[in-house]
Amino acid sequence: MTRTEIGRFTGETARERFLEAYDEAMRLWPDPRSGAEVETSYGTVYVHRYGPESGEPVVLLHGHGANASTWYPQIEALGERHPVFAVDTLDDPGRSVQSVLAAGSEDNARWLDEALAALDLEDVHLVGHSYGGWLALNQAIHAPGRLASVSLLDPGGLQKVPRRFYVNLVAGALAMGAPRRFRPRLARLLANSALVSPPELLRPAMLAARAFRPSARPPARPFTDEELRSVGVPVLALLAQRSVLLDPVSAGARLRSLLPSARVEIVPAAGHGLPLEEPRLVNERVLRFVESGK
């Protein structure tokens, strides 16, 4: 699929309504937090910050169609000893504003590297969920100079995106319209933790679904064996047993065969929304991995 235009809101009123709901969702984060805009060749990237002034930085990349607010279960734990930076990725509904199309792997690696450079970050522990996991792995392949490690949470890039992923997206959107008392059962059935997320988190997502028009971004392509073998930074991969994005057994086996030093774990009974569904496990595993060299 050829991408022809950048993602954008349908109008300024729609964007303002979204940002109002987005700011409400960000109140789920602990205080104090701050935010900054940094300029890249592809647009303005907004980054939220929490944690100490010094220490090895942890940078978070959310999934497709989401924003930095979804990391609220991770912030306090990761930010106890590390400065944490959560990026609103380009081409997703958030505070970042894209101006130039990031059409492929090299483009995506470039804008993220430029954002990290603008923040003066080195020895970065990059953590990505879903499409953010694809971006993290892509960075390790194409622009690893600022990275210390990557942690992949049920990521794209290991296998072709299956049809069931899109079916689950549609089913989840329909389930959002169900009465709240039915949503926990539907969440278990669909392995979709978003259905039981706090209302503050759901409102901007629902507004964005109606008012944000993303570019024709193709699915997260599988990286080739050669690309994956080229990764030179330590890798942690947490794969959900009930993932709708990948087959955890075969995806884990592929990663182990190409990167024998990678730490790979399949999380029992968990769905694709690992950071929201299993926050304590995710926080513990990521911190243990990030700090294992100390």
C-alpha atoms as a PDB file:
ATOM      1  CA  MET A   1       0.000   0.000   0.000  1.00  0.00           C
ATOM      2  CA  THR A   2       1.345   3.436  -0.922  1.00  0.00           C
ATOM      3  CA  ARG A   3       1.059   6.170   1.646  1.00  0.00           C
ATOM      4  CA  THR A   4      -0.012   9.444   0.108  1.00  0.00           C
ATOM      5  CA  GLU A   5      -0.821  11.828   2.951  1.00  0.00           C
ATOM      6  CA  ILE A   6      -0.065  12.480   6.602  1.00  0.00           C
ATOM      7  CA  GLY A   7      -2.449  11.697   9.434  1.00  0.00           C
ATOM      8  CA  ARG A   8      -4.603  14.570  10.639  1.00  0.00           C
ATOM      9  CA  PHE A   9      -7.741  15.478  12.559  1.00  0.00           C
ATOM     10  CA  THR A  10     -10.842  16.298  10.528  1.00  0.00           C
ATOM     11  CA  GLY A  11     -10.789  19.864  11.828  1.00  0.00           C
ATOM     12  CA  GLU A  12      -9.528  22.156  14.572  1.00  0.00           C
ATOM     13  CA  THR A  13     -12.689  21.765  16.655  1.00  0.00           C
ATOM     14  CA  ALA A  14     -12.327  17.994  16.576  1.00  0.00           C
ATOM     15  CA  ARG A  15      -8.669  18.290  17.577  1.00  0.00           C
ATOM     16  CA  GLU A  16      -9.493  20.596  20.491  1.00  0.00           C
ATOM     17  CA  ARG A  17     -12.174  18.208  21.766  1.00  0.00           C
ATOM     18  CA  PHE A  18      -9.714  15.344  21.529  1.00  0.00           C
ATOM     19  CA  LEU A  19      -6.954  17.251  23.343  1.00  0.00           C
ATOM     20  CA  GLU A  20      -9.332  18.160  26.154  1.00  0.00           C
ATOM     21  CA  ALA A  21     -10.114  14.468  26.663  1.00  0.00           C
ATOM     22  CA  TYR A  22      -6.451  13.575  26.210  1.00  0.00           C
ATOM     23  CA  ASP A  23      -5.393  15.991  28.962  1.00  0.00           C
ATOM     24  CA  GLU A  24      -7.973  14.379  31.249  1.00  0.00           C
ATOM     25  CA  ALA A  25      -6.494  10.951  30.497  1.00  0.00           C
ATOM     26  CA  MET A  26      -3.003  12.221  31.290  1.00  0.00           C
ATOM     27  CA  ARG A  27      -4.189  12.932  34.840  1.00  0.00           C
ATOM     28  CA  LEU A  28      -3.939   9.176  35.361  1.00  0.00           C
ATOM     29  CA  TRP A  29      -0.175   9.708  35.398  1.00  0.00           C
ATOM     30  CA  PRO A  30       1.485  10.457  38.741  1.00  0.00           C
ATOM     31  CA  ASP A  31       2.779  13.950  39.461  1.00  0.00           C
ATOM     32  CA  PRO A  32       5.001  15.779  38.887  1.00  0.00           C
ATOM     33  CA  ARG A  33       5.266  15.364  35.143  1.00  0.00           C
ATOM     34  CA  SER A  34       6.262  17.688  32.346  1.00  0.00           C
ATOM     35  CA  GLY A  35       6.019  17.841  28.577  1.00  0.00           C
ATOM     36  CA  ALA A  36       8.080  19.168  25.701  1.00  0.00           C
ATOM     37  CA  GLU A  37       7.837  19.603  21.950  1.00  0.00           C
ATOM     38  CA  VAL A  38      10.875  18.698  19.851  1.00  0.00           C
ATOM     39  CA  GLU A  39      11.313  19.380  16.161  1.00  0.00           C
ATOM     40  CA  THR A  40      12.221  16.698  13.639  1.00  0.00           C
ATOM     41  CA  SER A  41      12.400  16.549   9.845  1.00  0.00           C
ATOM     42  CA  TYR A  42       8.958  14.905   9.885  1.00  0.00           C
ATOM     43  CA  GLY A  43       7.134  17.204  12.278  1.00  0.00           C
ATOM     44  CA  THR A  44       6.790  18.217  15.910  1.00  0.00           C
ATOM     45  CA  VAL A  45       7.056  15.344  18.382  1.00  0.00           C
ATOM     46  CA  TYR A  46       5.511  15.737  21.835  1.00  0.00           C
ATOM     47  CA  VAL A  47       7.160  13.908  24.727  1.00  0.00           C
ATOM     48  CA  HIS A  48       5.952  13.541  28.331  1.00  0.00           C
ATOM     49  CA  ARG A  49       8.535  13.223  31.108  1.00  0.00           C
ATOM     50  CA  TYR A  50       8.471  11.801  34.630  1.00  0.00           C
ATOM     51  CA  GLY A  51      11.113  10.742  37.113  1.00  0.00           C
ATOM     52  CA  PRO A  52      14.546  11.787  38.375  1.00  0.00           C
ATOM     53  CA  GLU A  53      16.810  14.220  36.562  1.00  0.00           C
ATOM     54  CA  SER A  54      19.614  11.674  36.191  1.00  0.00           C
ATOM     55  CA  GLY A  55      19.833   7.993  35.385  1.00  0.00           C
ATOM     56  CA  GLU A  56      19.580   5.807  32.294  1.00  0.00           C
ATOM     57  CA  PRO A  57      16.492   6.978  30.386  1.00  0.00           C
ATOM     58  CA  VAL A  58      13.536   4.748  29.563  1.00  0.00           C
ATOM     59  CA  VAL A  59      11.633   5.824  26.428  1.00  0.00           C
ATOM     60  CA  LEU A  60       8.129   4.449  25.809  1.00  0.00           C
ATOM     61  CA  LEU A  61       6.457   3.964  22.407  1.00  0.00           C
ATOM     62  CA  HIS A  62       2.716   3.220  22.462  1.00  0.00           C
ATOM     63  CA  GLY A  63       0.712   1.154  19.994  1.00  0.00           C
ATOM     64  CA  HIS A  64      -1.174   2.130  16.841  1.00  0.00           C
ATOM     65  CA  GLY A  65      -3.989   4.623  17.336  1.00  0.00           C
ATOM     66  CA  ALA A  66      -3.028   5.282  20.969  1.00  0.00           C
ATOM     67  CA  ASN A  67      -1.020   7.951  22.822  1.00  0.00           C
ATOM     68  CA  ALA A  68       1.262   8.367  25.818  1.00  0.00           C
ATOM     69  CA  SER A  69      -1.587   8.287  28.365  1.00  0.00           C
ATOM     70  CA  THR A  70      -1.877   4.500  27.948  1.00  0.00           C
ATOM     71  CA  TRP A  71       1.418   4.035  29.810  1.00  0.00           C
ATOM     72  CA  TYR A  72      -0.020   5.266  33.115  1.00  0.00           C
ATOM     73  CA  PRO A  73       0.333   1.831  34.866  1.00  0.00           C
ATOM     74  CA  GLN A  74       4.087   1.837  34.123  1.00  0.00           C
ATOM     75  CA  ILE A  75       5.128   5.395  34.942  1.00  0.00           C
ATOM     76  CA  GLU A  76       5.526   5.358  38.712  1.00  0.00           C
ATOM     77  CA  ALA A  77       7.370   2.019  38.806  1.00  0.00           C
ATOM     78  CA  LEU A  78       9.717   2.770  35.905  1.00  0.00           C
ATOM     79  CA  GLY A  79      10.207   6.362  37.031  1.00  0.00           C
ATOM     80  CA  GLU A  80      11.324   5.561  40.563  1.00  0.00           C
ATOM     81  CA  ARG A  81      14.981   5.300  39.479  1.00  0.00           C
ATOM     82  CA  HIS A  82      14.894   6.258  35.803  1.00  0.00           C
ATOM     83  CA  PRO A  83      13.833   9.355  33.887  1.00  0.00           C
ATOM     84  CA  VAL A  84      10.891   8.183  31.770  1.00  0.00           C
ATOM     85  CA  PHE A  85       9.962   9.742  28.426  1.00  0.00           C
ATOM     86  CA  ALA A  86       6.700   8.741  26.727  1.00  0.00           C
ATOM     87  CA  VAL A  87       6.462   9.728  23.068  1.00  0.00           C
ATOM     88  CA  ASP A  88       3.298  10.610  21.183  1.00  0.00           C
ATOM     89  CA  THR A  89       4.336   8.920  17.972  1.00  0.00           C
ATOM     90  CA  LEU A  90       3.883  10.595  14.611  1.00  0.00           C
ATOM     91  CA  ASP A  91       0.862   9.519  12.544  1.00  0.00           C
ATOM     92  CA  ASP A  92      -1.173   8.683  15.655  1.00  0.00           C
ATOM     93  CA  PRO A  93      -3.731  10.861  17.472  1.00  0.00           C
ATOM     94  CA  GLY A  94      -1.910  12.770  20.188  1.00  0.00           C
ATOM     95  CA  ARG A  95      -0.035  16.018  20.682  1.00  0.00           C
ATOM     96  CA  SER A  96       2.562  15.328  18.005  1.00  0.00           C
ATOM     97  CA  VAL A  97       1.941  17.014  14.654  1.00  0.00           C
ATOM     98  CA  GLN A  98       3.290  15.370  11.523  1.00  0.00           C
ATOM     99  CA  SER A  99       4.286  17.556   8.554  1.00  0.00           C
ATOM    100  CA  VAL A 100       6.179  15.134   6.309  1.00  0.00           C
ATOM    101  CA  LEU A 101       5.302  11.539   5.505  1.00  0.00           C
ATOM    102  CA  ALA A 102       7.439   8.906   7.249  1.00  0.00           C
ATOM    103  CA  ALA A 103       6.958   6.290   4.566  1.00  0.00           C
ATOM    104  CA  GLY A 104       9.299   3.468   5.503  1.00  0.00           C
ATOM    105  CA  SER A 105      11.695   1.952   7.996  1.00  0.00           C
ATOM    106  CA  GLU A 106      14.503   4.456   7.464  1.00  0.00           C
ATOM    107  CA  ASP A 107      12.131   7.428   7.766  1.00  0.00           C
ATOM    108  CA  ASN A 108      10.681   6.142  11.027  1.00  0.00           C
ATOM    109  CA  ALA A 109      14.140   5.479  12.448  1.00  0.00           C
ATOM    110  CA  ARG A 110      15.228   8.983  11.441  1.00  0.00           C
ATOM    111  CA  TRP A 111      12.406  10.930  13.111  1.00  0.00           C
ATOM    112  CA  LEU A 112      12.779   8.957  16.328  1.00  0.00           C
ATOM    113  CA  ASP A 113      16.561   9.379  16.343  1.00  0.00           C
ATOM    114  CA  GLU A 114      16.126  13.117  15.778  1.00  0.00           C
ATOM    115  CA  ALA A 115      13.658  13.307  18.676  1.00  0.00           C
ATOM    116  CA  LEU A 116      16.064  11.468  20.995  1.00  0.00           C
ATOM    117  CA  ALA A 117      18.871  13.773  19.878  1.00  0.00           C
ATOM    118  CA  ALA A 118      16.754  16.868  20.545  1.00  0.00           C
ATOM    119  CA  LEU A 119      16.129  15.563  24.062  1.00  0.00           C
ATOM    120  CA  ASP A 120      19.897  14.925  24.435  1.00  0.00           C
ATOM    121  CA  LEU A 121      19.298  11.267  25.289  1.00  0.00           C
ATOM    122  CA  GLU A 122      21.949   8.556  25.118  1.00  0.00           C
ATOM    123  CA  ASP A 123      22.017   4.953  26.399  1.00  0.00           C
ATOM    124  CA  VAL A 124      18.262   4.774  25.928  1.00  0.00           C
ATOM    125  CA  HIS A 125      16.225   1.779  27.051  1.00  0.00           C
ATOM    126  CA  LEU A 126      13.498   1.749  24.408  1.00  0.00           C
ATOM    127  CA  VAL A 127      10.208   0.060  25.323  1.00  0.00           C
ATOM    128  CA  GLY A 128       7.530  -0.474  22.694  1.00  0.00           C
ATOM    129  CA  HIS A 129       4.086  -2.068  22.652  1.00  0.00           C
ATOM    130  CA  SER A 130       2.452  -3.448  19.486  1.00  0.00           C
ATOM    131  CA  TYR A 131       3.271  -0.990  16.649  1.00  0.00           C
ATOM    132  CA  GLY A 132       5.504   0.798  19.154  1.00  0.00           C
ATOM    133  CA  GLY A 133       7.345  -2.519  19.484  1.00  0.00           C
ATOM    134  CA  TRP A 134       7.829  -2.477  15.718  1.00  0.00           C
ATOM    135  CA  LEU A 135       9.231   1.053  15.979  1.00  0.00           C
ATOM    136  CA  ALA A 136      11.587  -0.028  18.779  1.00  0.00           C
ATOM    137  CA  LEU A 137      12.848  -3.038  16.838  1.00  0.00           C
ATOM    138  CA  ASN A 138      13.128  -0.893  13.717  1.00  0.00           C
ATOM    139  CA  GLN A 139      15.279   1.569  15.673  1.00  0.00           C
ATOM    140  CA  ALA A 140      17.568  -1.222  16.841  1.00  0.00           C
ATOM    141  CA  ILE A 141      18.010  -2.271  13.205  1.00  0.00           C
ATOM    142  CA  HIS A 142      18.324   1.085  11.424  1.00  0.00           C
ATOM    143  CA  ALA A 143      19.520   3.647  14.008  1.00  0.00           C
ATOM    144  CA  PRO A 144      20.805   1.941  17.162  1.00  0.00           C
ATOM    145  CA  GLY A 145      23.441   4.525  18.072  1.00  0.00           C
ATOM    146  CA  ARG A 146      21.542   6.014  21.015  1.00  0.00           C
ATOM    147  CA  LEU A 147      20.162   2.728  22.353  1.00  0.00           C
ATOM    148  CA  ALA A 148      21.195   0.626  25.333  1.00  0.00           C
ATOM    149  CA  SER A 149      18.420  -1.972  24.955  1.00  0.00           C
ATOM    150  CA  VAL A 150      14.964  -2.625  23.538  1.00  0.00           C
ATOM    151  CA  SER A 151      12.007  -4.186  25.348  1.00  0.00           C
ATOM    152  CA  LEU A 152       9.248  -5.485  23.071  1.00  0.00           C
ATOM    153  CA  LEU A 153       5.731  -5.969  24.423  1.00  0.00           C
ATOM    154  CA  ASP A 154       3.747  -8.199  22.052  1.00  0.00           C
ATOM    155  CA  PRO A 155       5.396  -6.366  19.152  1.00  0.00           C
ATOM    156  CA  GLY A 156       4.834  -6.095  15.450  1.00  0.00           C
ATOM    157  CA  GLY A 157       7.693  -7.033  13.152  1.00  0.00           C
ATOM    158  CA  LEU A 158       8.161 -10.695  13.996  1.00  0.00           C
ATOM    159  CA  GLN A 159       5.359 -12.081  11.804  1.00  0.00           C
ATOM    160  CA  LYS A 160       2.883 -10.922   9.208  1.00  0.00           C
ATOM    161  CA  VAL A 161      -0.129  -9.226  10.809  1.00  0.00           C
ATOM    162  CA  PRO A 162      -2.898 -11.870  10.683  1.00  0.00           C
ATOM    163  CA  ARG A 163      -6.483 -11.329   9.605  1.00  0.00           C
ATOM    164  CA  ARG A 164      -7.722 -12.101  13.118  1.00  0.00           C
ATOM    165  CA  PHE A 165      -6.028  -8.912  14.345  1.00  0.00           C
ATOM    166  CA  TYR A 166      -8.310  -6.778  12.180  1.00  0.00           C
ATOM    167  CA  VAL A 167     -11.344  -8.880  13.073  1.00  0.00           C
ATOM    168  CA  ASN A 168     -10.536  -8.326  16.741  1.00  0.00           C
ATOM    169  CA  LEU A 169     -10.227  -4.558  16.178  1.00  0.00           C
ATOM    170  CA  VAL A 170     -13.709  -4.442  14.662  1.00  0.00           C
ATOM    171  CA  ALA A 171     -15.140  -6.673  17.385  1.00  0.00           C
ATOM    172  CA  GLY A 172     -13.548  -4.499  20.062  1.00  0.00           C
ATOM    173  CA  ALA A 173     -14.979  -1.335  18.530  1.00  0.00           C
ATOM    174  CA  LEU A 174     -18.462  -2.879  18.507  1.00  0.00           C
ATOM    175  CA  ALA A 175     -18.027  -4.101  22.086  1.00  0.00           C
ATOM    176  CA  MET A 176     -17.280  -0.537  23.187  1.00  0.00           C
ATOM    177  CA  GLY A 177     -20.959   0.187  22.570  1.00  0.00           C
ATOM    178  CA  ALA A 178     -22.107  -2.551  24.940  1.00  0.00           C
ATOM    179  CA  PRO A 179     -23.355  -1.658  28.449  1.00  0.00           C
ATOM    180  CA  ARG A 180     -20.463  -1.398  30.888  1.00  0.00           C
ATOM    181  CA  ARG A 181     -21.692  -4.361  32.948  1.00  0.00           C
ATOM    182  CA  PHE A 182     -21.103  -6.660  29.957  1.00  0.00           C
ATOM    183  CA  ARG A 183     -17.668  -5.355  29.043  1.00  0.00           C
ATOM    184  CA  PRO A 184     -15.580  -7.449  31.496  1.00  0.00           C
ATOM    185  CA  ARG A 185     -17.025 -10.625  29.981  1.00  0.00           C
ATOM    186  CA  LEU A 186     -16.428  -9.330  26.462  1.00  0.00           C
ATOM    187  CA  ALA A 187     -12.893  -8.283  27.434  1.00  0.00           C
ATOM    188  CA  ARG A 188     -12.125 -11.842  28.562  1.00  0.00           C
ATOM    189  CA  LEU A 189     -13.739 -13.346  25.464  1.00  0.00           C
ATOM    190  CA  LEU A 190     -11.847 -11.083  23.047  1.00  0.00           C
ATOM    191  CA  ALA A 191      -8.644 -10.866  25.140  1.00  0.00           C
ATOM    192  CA  ASN A 192      -9.087  -7.102  24.861  1.00  0.00           C
ATOM    193  CA  SER A 193      -8.198  -5.253  28.055  1.00  0.00           C
ATOM    194  CA  ALA A 194      -9.098  -1.886  26.492  1.00  0.00           C
ATOM    195  CA  LEU A 195     -12.762  -2.703  27.122  1.00  0.00           C
ATOM    196  CA  VAL A 196     -12.223  -2.424  30.868  1.00  0.00           C
ATOM    197  CA  SER A 197      -9.866   0.562  30.780  1.00  0.00           C
ATOM    198  CA  PRO A 198     -10.698   3.648  32.854  1.00  0.00           C
ATOM    199  CA  PRO A 199     -13.262   5.924  31.156  1.00  0.00           C
ATOM    200  CA  GLU A 200     -10.648   8.684  31.001  1.00  0.00           C
ATOM    201  CA  LEU A 201      -8.548   6.446  28.741  1.00  0.00           C
ATOM    202  CA  LEU A 202     -11.423   5.358  26.523  1.00  0.00           C
ATOM    203  CA  ARG A 203     -12.822   8.812  25.758  1.00  0.00           C
ATOM    204  CA  PRO A 204      -9.877  10.170  23.715  1.00  0.00           C
ATOM    205  CA  ALA A 205      -9.590   6.835  21.923  1.00  0.00           C
ATOM    206  CA  MET A 206     -13.242   6.956  20.894  1.00  0.00           C
ATOM    207  CA  LEU A 207     -12.999  10.603  19.837  1.00  0.00           C
ATOM    208  CA  ALA A 208      -9.899   9.826  17.768  1.00  0.00           C
ATOM    209  CA  ALA A 209     -11.628   6.898  16.079  1.00  0.00           C
ATOM    210  CA  ARG A 210     -14.241   9.338  14.772  1.00  0.00           C
ATOM    211  CA  ALA A 211     -12.138  12.431  14.139  1.00  0.00           C
ATOM    212  CA  PHE A 212      -8.563  11.385  13.263  1.00  0.00           C
ATOM    213  CA  ARG A 213      -7.674  10.299   9.756  1.00  0.00           C
ATOM    214  CA  PRO A 214      -4.355   8.444   9.763  1.00  0.00           C
ATOM    215  CA  SER A 215      -2.259   8.121   6.674  1.00  0.00           C
ATOM    216  CA  ALA A 216      -2.532   4.874   4.747  1.00  0.00           C
ATOM    217  CA  ARG A 217       0.101   3.345   7.010  1.00  0.00           C
ATOM    218  CA  PRO A 218       0.737  -0.248   5.977  1.00  0.00           C
ATOM    219  CA  PRO A 219       0.674  -2.995   8.617  1.00  0.00           C
ATOM    220  CA  ALA A 220       3.860  -3.502  10.592  1.00  0.00           C
ATOM    221  CA  ARG A 221       5.909  -5.500   8.118  1.00  0.00           C
ATOM    222  CA  PRO A 222       7.856  -8.526   9.333  1.00  0.00           C
ATOM    223  CA  PHE A 223      11.557  -7.824   9.508  1.00  0.00           C
ATOM    224  CA  THR A 224      13.760 -10.133   7.486  1.00  0.00           C
ATOM    225  CA  ASP A 225      16.056 -12.687   9.087  1.00  0.00           C
ATOM    226  CA  GLU A 226      19.031 -10.565   8.020  1.00  0.00           C
ATOM    227  CA  GLU A 227      17.564  -7.465   9.670  1.00  0.00           C
ATOM    228  CA  LEU A 228      16.852  -9.253  12.937  1.00  0.00           C
ATOM    229  CA  ARG A 229      20.312 -10.842  13.042  1.00  0.00           C
ATOM    230  CA  SER A 230      21.794  -7.345  12.739  1.00  0.00           C
ATOM    231  CA  VAL A 231      20.371  -6.203  16.089  1.00  0.00           C
ATOM    232  CA  GLY A 232      23.309  -5.558  18.375  1.00  0.00           C
ATOM    233  CA  VAL A 233      21.621  -4.275  21.551  1.00  0.00           C
ATOM    234  CA  PRO A 234      20.111  -6.512  24.261  1.00  0.00           C
ATOM    235  CA  VAL A 235      16.504  -7.520  23.562  1.00  0.00           C
ATOM    236  CA  LEU A 236      13.655  -8.460  25.887  1.00  0.00           C
ATOM    237  CA  ALA A 237      10.438  -9.780  24.334  1.00  0.00           C
ATOM    238  CA  LEU A 238       7.263 -10.366  26.347  1.00  0.00           C
ATOM    239  CA  LEU A 239       4.711 -12.178  24.180  1.00  0.00           C
ATOM    240  CA  ALA A 240       1.062 -12.649  25.125  1.00  0.00           C
ATOM    241  CA  GLN A 241      -0.230 -16.201  25.129  1.00  0.00           C
ATOM    242  CA  ARG A 242      -3.609 -14.989  23.784  1.00  0.00           C
ATOM    243  CA  SER A 243      -2.153 -12.442  21.379  1.00  0.00           C
ATOM    244  CA  VAL A 244      -4.225 -11.541  18.331  1.00  0.00           C
ATOM    245  CA  LEU A 245      -1.175 -10.000  16.657  1.00  0.00           C
ATOM    246  CA  LEU A 246       1.184 -12.950  16.562  1.00  0.00           C
ATOM    247  CA  ASP A 247       1.586 -16.620  17.384  1.00  0.00           C
ATOM    248  CA  PRO A 248       3.721 -16.397  20.512  1.00  0.00           C
ATOM    249  CA  VAL A 249       5.309 -19.831  20.214  1.00  0.00           C
ATOM    250  CA  SER A 250       6.525 -19.485  16.634  1.00  0.00           C
ATOM    251  CA  ALA A 251       7.345 -15.798  17.017  1.00  0.00           C
ATOM    252  CA  GLY A 252       9.377 -16.525  20.138  1.00  0.00           C
ATOM    253  CA  ALA A 253      11.156 -19.405  18.419  1.00  0.00           C
ATOM    254  CA  ARG A 254      12.063 -17.167  15.481  1.00  0.00           C
ATOM    255  CA  LEU A 255      13.471 -14.481  17.747  1.00  0.00           C
ATOM    256  CA  ARG A 256      15.496 -17.006  19.773  1.00  0.00           C
ATOM    257  CA  SER A 257      16.940 -18.598  16.634  1.00  0.00           C
ATOM    258  CA  LEU A 258      18.030 -15.262  15.133  1.00  0.00           C
ATOM    259  CA  LEU A 259      19.014 -13.534  18.394  1.00  0.00           C
ATOM    260  CA  PRO A 260      20.134 -16.294  20.771  1.00  0.00           C
ATOM    261  CA  SER A 261      20.891 -13.800  23.539  1.00  0.00           C
ATOM    262  CA  ALA A 262      17.364 -12.321  23.520  1.00  0.00           C
ATOM    263  CA  ARG A 263      15.252 -12.854  26.601  1.00  0.00           C
ATOM    264  CA  VAL A 264      11.893 -14.193  25.453  1.00  0.00           C
ATOM    265  CA  GLU A 265       8.926 -14.926  27.699  1.00  0.00           C
ATOM    266  CA  ILE A 266       5.355 -15.936  26.903  1.00  0.00           C
ATOM    267  CA  VAL A 267       2.955 -14.437  29.447  1.00  0.00           C
ATOM    268  CA  PRO A 268       0.275 -17.035  30.302  1.00  0.00           C
ATOM    269  CA  ALA A 269      -3.401 -16.167  29.690  1.00  0.00           C
ATOM    270  CA  ALA A 270      -2.541 -12.575  28.708  1.00  0.00           C
ATOM    271  CA  GLY A 271      -3.951 -10.748  25.679  1.00  0.00           C
ATOM    272  CA  HIS A 272      -2.341  -8.259  23.322  1.00  0.00           C
ATOM    273  CA  GLY A 273      -2.771  -5.321  25.723  1.00  0.00           C
ATOM    274  CA  LEU A 274       0.054  -6.454  28.004  1.00  0.00           C
ATOM    275  CA  PRO A 275       0.965  -3.093  29.624  1.00  0.00           C
ATOM    276  CA  LEU A 276      -2.638  -2.558  30.772  1.00  0.00           C
ATOM    277  CA  GLU A 277      -3.496  -6.189  31.453  1.00  0.00           C
ATOM    278  CA  GLU A 278      -0.354  -7.289  33.306  1.00  0.00           C
ATOM    279  CA  PRO A 279       1.237  -4.048  34.532  1.00  0.00           C
ATOM    280  CA  ARG A 280       3.039  -5.481  37.566  1.00  0.00           C
ATOM    281  CA  LEU A 281       4.617  -8.266  35.537  1.00  0.00           C
ATOM    282  CA  VAL A 282       5.586  -5.898  32.712  1.00  0.00           C
ATOM    283  CA  ASN A 283       7.085  -3.372  35.124  1.00  0.00           C
ATOM    284  CA  GLU A 284       9.047  -6.019  37.015  1.00  0.00           C
ATOM    285  CA  ARG A 285      10.405  -7.709  33.888  1.00  0.00           C
ATOM    286  CA  VAL A 286      11.374  -4.455  32.162  1.00  0.00           C
ATOM    287  CA  LEU A 287      13.096  -3.056  35.253  1.00  0.00           C
ATOM    288  CA  ARG A 288      14.963  -6.300  35.874  1.00  0.00           C
ATOM    289  CA  PHE A 289      16.118  -6.312  32.254  1.00  0.00           C
ATOM    290  CA  VAL A 290      17.073  -2.622  32.162  1.00  0.00           C
ATOM    291  CA  GLU A 291      19.052  -2.895  35.379  1.00  0.00           C
ATOM    292  CA  SER A 292      20.565  -6.343  34.784  1.00  0.00           C
ATOM    293  CA  GLY A 293      23.867  -4.851  33.676  1.00  0.00           C
ATOM    294  CA  LYS A 294      24.406  -3.080  36.993  1.00  0.00           C
END
